[in-house]
PDB file of N, CA and C in Angstrom:
ATOM      1  N   PHE A   1       0.825  -1.179   0.000  1.00  0.00           N
ATOM      2  CA  PHE A   1       0.000   0.000   0.000  1.00  0.00           C
ATOM      3  C   PHE A   1       0.867   1.238   0.000  1.00  0.00           C
ATOM      4  N   LYS A   2       0.278   2.335  -0.316  1.00  0.00           N
ATOM      5  CA  LYS A   2       1.018   3.597  -0.341  1.00  0.00           C
ATOM      6  C   LYS A   2       0.542   4.462   0.821  1.00  0.00           C
ATOM      7  N   ALA A   3       1.502   4.997   1.547  1.00  0.00           N
ATOM      8  CA  ALA A   3       1.176   5.874   2.666  1.00  0.00           C
ATOM      9  C   ALA A   3       2.397   6.712   3.000  1.00  0.00           C
ATOM     10  N   ASP A   4       2.159   7.739   3.772  1.00  0.00           N
ATOM     11  CA  ASP A   4       3.234   8.594   4.253  1.00  0.00           C
ATOM     12  C   ASP A   4       4.161   7.777   5.159  1.00  0.00           C
ATOM     13  N   SER A   5       5.448   8.043   5.120  1.00  0.00           N
ATOM     14  CA  SER A   5       6.407   7.255   5.899  1.00  0.00           C
ATOM     15  C   SER A   5       6.134   7.337   7.401  1.00  0.00           C
ATOM     16  N   GLN A   6       5.650   8.465   7.871  1.00  0.00           N
ATOM     17  CA  GLN A   6       5.333   8.592   9.294  1.00  0.00           C
ATOM     18  C   GLN A   6       4.184   7.664   9.680  1.00  0.00           C
ATOM     19  N   PHE A   7       3.216   7.525   8.793  1.00  0.00           N
ATOM     20  CA  PHE A   7       2.097   6.627   9.069  1.00  0.00           C
ATOM     21  C   PHE A   7       2.583   5.184   9.178  1.00  0.00           C
ATOM     22  N   ILE A   8       3.471   4.802   8.285  1.00  0.00           N
ATOM     23  CA  ILE A   8       3.986   3.435   8.289  1.00  0.00           C
ATOM     24  C   ILE A   8       4.745   3.158   9.584  1.00  0.00           C
ATOM     25  N   GLU A   9       5.540   4.107  10.043  1.00  0.00           N
ATOM     26  CA  GLU A   9       6.265   3.933  11.307  1.00  0.00           C
ATOM     27  C   GLU A   9       5.295   3.748  12.472  1.00  0.00           C
ATOM     28  N   LYS A  10       4.243   4.553  12.514  1.00  0.00           N
ATOM     29  CA  LYS A  10       3.251   4.433  13.585  1.00  0.00           C
ATOM     30  C   LYS A  10       2.526   3.093  13.504  1.00  0.00           C
ATOM     31  N   LEU A  11       2.197   2.672  12.294  1.00  0.00           N
ATOM     32  CA  LEU A  11       1.513   1.401  12.102  1.00  0.00           C
ATOM     33  C   LEU A  11       2.393   0.238  12.557  1.00  0.00           C
ATOM     34  N   GLU A  12       3.657   0.271  12.213  1.00  0.00           N
ATOM     35  CA  GLU A  12       4.583  -0.778  12.641  1.00  0.00           C
ATOM     36  C   GLU A  12       4.701  -0.822  14.159  1.00  0.00           C
ATOM     37  N   THR A  13       4.725   0.334  14.790  1.00  0.00           N
ATOM     38  CA  THR A  13       4.788   0.383  16.254  1.00  0.00           C
ATOM     39  C   THR A  13       3.547  -0.258  16.857  1.00  0.00           C
ATOM     40  N   GLN A  14       2.388   0.051  16.318  1.00  0.00           N
ATOM     41  CA  GLN A  14       1.145  -0.528  16.822  1.00  0.00           C
ATOM     42  C   GLN A  14       1.120  -2.039  16.617  1.00  0.00           C
ATOM     43  N   TYR A  15       1.608  -2.497  15.483  1.00  0.00           N
ATOM     44  CA  TYR A  15       1.679  -3.939  15.230  1.00  0.00           C
ATOM     45  C   TYR A  15       2.563  -4.618  16.265  1.00  0.00           C
ATOM     46  N   ARG A  16       3.678  -4.015  16.596  1.00  0.00           N
ATOM     47  CA  ARG A  16       4.595  -4.611  17.566  1.00  0.00           C
ATOM     48  C   ARG A  16       3.977  -4.679  18.957  1.00  0.00           C
ATOM     49  N   ARG A  17       3.126  -3.754  19.268  1.00  0.00           N
ATOM     50  CA  ARG A  17       2.525  -3.704  20.600  1.00  0.00           C
ATOM     51  C   ARG A  17       1.357  -4.663  20.753  1.00  0.00           C
ATOM     52  N   ASP A  18       0.744  -5.054  19.669  1.00  0.00           N
ATOM     53  CA  ASP A  18      -0.454  -5.883  19.721  1.00  0.00           C
ATOM     54  C   ASP A  18      -0.067  -7.366  19.710  1.00  0.00           C
ATOM     55  N   GLU A  19      -0.357  -8.067  20.776  1.00  0.00           N
ATOM     56  CA  GLU A  19       0.037  -9.466  20.907  1.00  0.00           C
ATOM     57  C   GLU A  19      -0.587 -10.346  19.832  1.00  0.00           C
ATOM     58  N   ARG A  20      -1.795 -10.019  19.415  1.00  0.00           N
ATOM     59  CA  ARG A  20      -2.437 -10.826  18.376  1.00  0.00           C
ATOM     60  C   ARG A  20      -1.675 -10.760  17.068  1.00  0.00           C
ATOM     61  N   ILE A  21      -0.980  -9.648  16.827  1.00  0.00           N
ATOM     62  CA  ILE A  21      -0.183  -9.495  15.611  1.00  0.00           C
ATOM     63  C   ILE A  21       1.209 -10.084  15.815  1.00  0.00           C
ATOM     64  N   ILE A  22       1.776  -9.908  16.996  1.00  0.00           N
ATOM     65  CA  ILE A  22       3.153 -10.319  17.261  1.00  0.00           C
ATOM     66  C   ILE A  22       3.358 -11.794  16.942  1.00  0.00           C
ATOM     67  N   ARG A  23       2.407 -12.636  17.296  1.00  0.00           N
ATOM     68  CA  ARG A  23       2.639 -14.066  17.089  1.00  0.00           C
ATOM     69  C   ARG A  23       2.650 -14.468  15.625  1.00  0.00           C
ATOM     70  N   PHE A  24       2.213 -13.585  14.726  1.00  0.00           N
ATOM     71  CA  PHE A  24       2.231 -13.896  13.305  1.00  0.00           C
ATOM     72  C   PHE A  24       3.342 -13.186  12.539  1.00  0.00           C
ATOM     73  N   LEU A  25       4.142 -12.371  13.222  1.00  0.00           N
ATOM     74  CA  LEU A  25       5.246 -11.689  12.556  1.00  0.00           C
ATOM     75  C   LEU A  25       6.347 -12.687  12.214  1.00  0.00           C
ATOM     76  N   THR A  26       6.967 -12.482  11.093  1.00  0.00           N
ATOM     77  CA  THR A  26       8.075 -13.346  10.688  1.00  0.00           C
ATOM     78  C   THR A  26       9.321 -12.499  10.523  1.00  0.00           C
ATOM     79  N   PHE A  27      10.462 -13.124  10.557  1.00  0.00           N
ATOM     80  CA  PHE A  27      11.708 -12.400  10.374  1.00  0.00           C
ATOM     81  C   PHE A  27      12.710 -13.320   9.697  1.00  0.00           C
ATOM     82  N   VAL A  28      13.740 -12.731   9.172  1.00  0.00           N
ATOM     83  CA  VAL A  28      14.768 -13.468   8.455  1.00  0.00           C
ATOM     84  C   VAL A  28      15.982 -13.627   9.358  1.00  0.00           C
ATOM     85  N   MET A  29      16.521 -14.842   9.374  1.00  0.00           N
ATOM     86  CA  MET A  29      17.729 -15.109  10.147  1.00  0.00           C
ATOM     87  C   MET A  29      18.837 -15.504   9.185  1.00  0.00           C
ATOM     88  N   ASP A  30      20.019 -14.936   9.382  1.00  0.00           N
ATOM     89  CA  ASP A  30      21.141 -15.346   8.546  1.00  0.00           C
ATOM     90  C   ASP A  30      21.691 -16.676   9.065  1.00  0.00           C
ATOM     91  N   LYS A  31      22.618 -17.271   8.327  1.00  0.00           N
ATOM     92  CA  LYS A  31      23.103 -18.608   8.678  1.00  0.00           C
ATOM     93  C   LYS A  31      23.766 -18.644  10.051  1.00  0.00           C
ATOM     94  N   ASP A  32      24.421 -17.567  10.451  1.00  0.00           N
ATOM     95  CA  ASP A  32      25.060 -17.525  11.764  1.00  0.00           C
ATOM     96  C   ASP A  32      24.017 -17.515  12.879  1.00  0.00           C
ATOM     97  N   SER A  33      22.943 -16.792  12.668  1.00  0.00           N
ATOM     98  CA  SER A  33      21.872 -16.740  13.663  1.00  0.00           C
ATOM     99  C   SER A  33      21.200 -18.092  13.809  1.00  0.00           C
ATOM    100  N   ILE A  34      21.016 -18.775  12.694  1.00  0.00           N
ATOM    101  CA  ILE A  34      20.386 -20.092  12.727  1.00  0.00           C
ATOM    102  C   ILE A  34      21.267 -21.075  13.495  1.00  0.00           C
ATOM    103  N   ALA A  35      22.558 -21.068  13.206  1.00  0.00           N
ATOM    104  CA  ALA A  35      23.484 -21.973  13.895  1.00  0.00           C
ATOM    105  C   ALA A  35      23.503 -21.680  15.397  1.00  0.00           C
ATOM    106  N   TYR A  36      23.529 -20.409  15.772  1.00  0.00           N
ATOM    107  CA  TYR A  36      23.526 -20.028  17.185  1.00  0.00           C
ATOM    108  C   TYR A  36      22.243 -20.512  17.863  1.00  0.00           C
ATOM    109  N   SER A  37      21.121 -20.314  17.194  1.00  0.00           N
ATOM    110  CA  SER A  37      19.837 -20.716  17.750  1.00  0.00           C
ATOM    111  C   SER A  37      19.771 -22.227  17.954  1.00  0.00           C
ATOM    112  N   GLU A  38      20.273 -22.977  16.984  1.00  0.00           N
ATOM    113  CA  GLU A  38      20.265 -24.435  17.104  1.00  0.00           C
ATOM    114  C   GLU A  38      21.164 -24.902  18.247  1.00  0.00           C
ATOM    115  N   ARG A  39      22.338 -24.297  18.396  1.00  0.00           N
ATOM    116  CA  ARG A  39      23.233 -24.658  19.509  1.00  0.00           C
ATOM    117  C   ARG A  39      22.567 -24.356  20.846  1.00  0.00           C
ATOM    118  N   ARG A  40      21.925 -23.240  20.911  1.00  0.00           N
ATOM    119  CA  ARG A  40      21.278 -22.833  22.155  1.00  0.00           C
ATOM    120  C   ARG A  40      20.148 -23.794  22.526  1.00  0.00           C
ATOM    121  N   ARG A  41      19.340 -24.173  21.527  1.00  0.00           N
ATOM    122  CA  ARG A  41      18.260 -25.118  21.783  1.00  0.00           C
ATOM    123  C   ARG A  41      18.799 -26.470  22.236  1.00  0.00           C
ATOM    124  N   SER A  42      19.856 -26.946  21.585  1.00  0.00           N
ATOM    125  CA  SER A  42      20.406 -28.251  21.965  1.00  0.00           C
ATOM    126  C   SER A  42      20.996 -28.193  23.373  1.00  0.00           C
ATOM    127  N   ASN A  43      21.594 -27.078  23.756  1.00  0.00           N
ATOM    128  CA  ASN A  43      22.118 -26.932  25.122  1.00  0.00           C
ATOM    129  C   ASN A  43      20.997 -26.953  26.140  1.00  0.00           C
ATOM    130  N   LYS A  44      19.876 -26.332  25.826  1.00  0.00           N
ATOM    131  CA  LYS A  44      18.735 -26.344  26.746  1.00  0.00           C
ATOM    132  C   LYS A  44      18.208 -27.759  26.920  1.00  0.00           C
ATOM    133  N   LYS A  45      18.103 -28.497  25.816  1.00  0.00           N
ATOM    134  CA  LYS A  45      17.612 -29.872  25.897  1.00  0.00           C
ATOM    135  C   LYS A  45      18.540 -30.724  26.745  1.00  0.00           C
ATOM    136  N   GLU A  46      19.848 -30.558  26.562  1.00  0.00           N
ATOM    137  CA  GLU A  46      20.819 -31.333  27.332  1.00  0.00           C
ATOM    138  C   GLU A  46      20.741 -30.993  28.811  1.00  0.00           C
ATOM    139  N   SER A  47      20.607 -29.721  29.138  1.00  0.00           N
ATOM    140  CA  SER A  47      20.543 -29.330  30.549  1.00  0.00           C
ATOM    141  C   SER A  47      19.234 -29.793  31.174  1.00  0.00           C
ATOM    142  N   THR A  48      18.148 -29.772  30.426  1.00  0.00           N
ATOM    143  CA  THR A  48      16.866 -30.247  30.933  1.00  0.00           C
ATOM    144  C   THR A  48      16.928 -31.746  31.182  1.00  0.00           C
ATOM    145  N   THR A  49      17.525 -32.475  30.262  1.00  0.00           N
ATOM    146  CA  THR A  49      17.680 -33.918  30.419  1.00  0.00           C
ATOM    147  C   THR A  49      18.565 -34.233  31.617  1.00  0.00           C
ATOM    148  N   ALA A  50      19.638 -33.493  31.798  1.00  0.00           N
ATOM    149  CA  ALA A  50      20.542 -33.706  32.929  1.00  0.00           C
ATOM    150  C   ALA A  50      19.836 -33.411  34.246  1.00  0.00           C
ATOM    151  N   ASN A  51      19.046 -32.348  34.298  1.00  0.00           N
ATOM    152  CA  ASN A  51      18.315 -32.005  35.518  1.00  0.00           C
ATOM    153  C   ASN A  51      17.291 -33.074  35.852  1.00  0.00           C
ATOM    154  N   THR A  52      16.625 -33.615  34.855  1.00  0.00           N
ATOM    155  CA  THR A  52      15.633 -34.658  35.075  1.00  0.00           C
ATOM    156  C   THR A  52      16.305 -35.919  35.606  1.00  0.00           C
ATOM    157  N   ALA A  53      17.465 -36.257  35.061  1.00  0.00           N
ATOM    158  CA  ALA A  53      18.196 -37.439  35.509  1.00  0.00           C
ATOM    159  C   ALA A  53      18.661 -37.279  36.955  1.00  0.00           C
ATOM    160  N   LYS A  54      19.074 -36.086  37.341  1.00  0.00           N
ATOM    161  CA  LYS A  54      19.531 -35.840  38.710  1.00  0.00           C
ATOM    162  C   LYS A  54      18.390 -35.982  39.703  1.00  0.00           C
ATOM    163  N   GLU A  55      17.187 -35.556  39.309  1.00  0.00           N
ATOM    164  CA  GLU A  55      16.037 -35.606  40.204  1.00  0.00           C
ATOM    165  C   GLU A  55      15.604 -37.035  40.481  1.00  0.00           C
ATOM    166  N   GLU A  56      15.835 -37.926  39.535  1.00  0.00           N
ATOM    167  CA  GLU A  56      15.423 -39.322  39.708  1.00  0.00           C
ATOM    168  C   GLU A  56      16.402 -40.008  40.588  1.00  0.00           C
TER     169      GLU A  56
END
């Protein structure tokens, strides 16, 4: 759509504040971000598994 740049900035701010919109926002991750995210997730799984084993 076409609009004044100030309107678009305000609209984007409102979208970010609205939880119903936030869960549908998408973003692009570069390869380094993806690798970091995967390492972080695997570390969480390992620590969760270790904590569960200690409790038993």
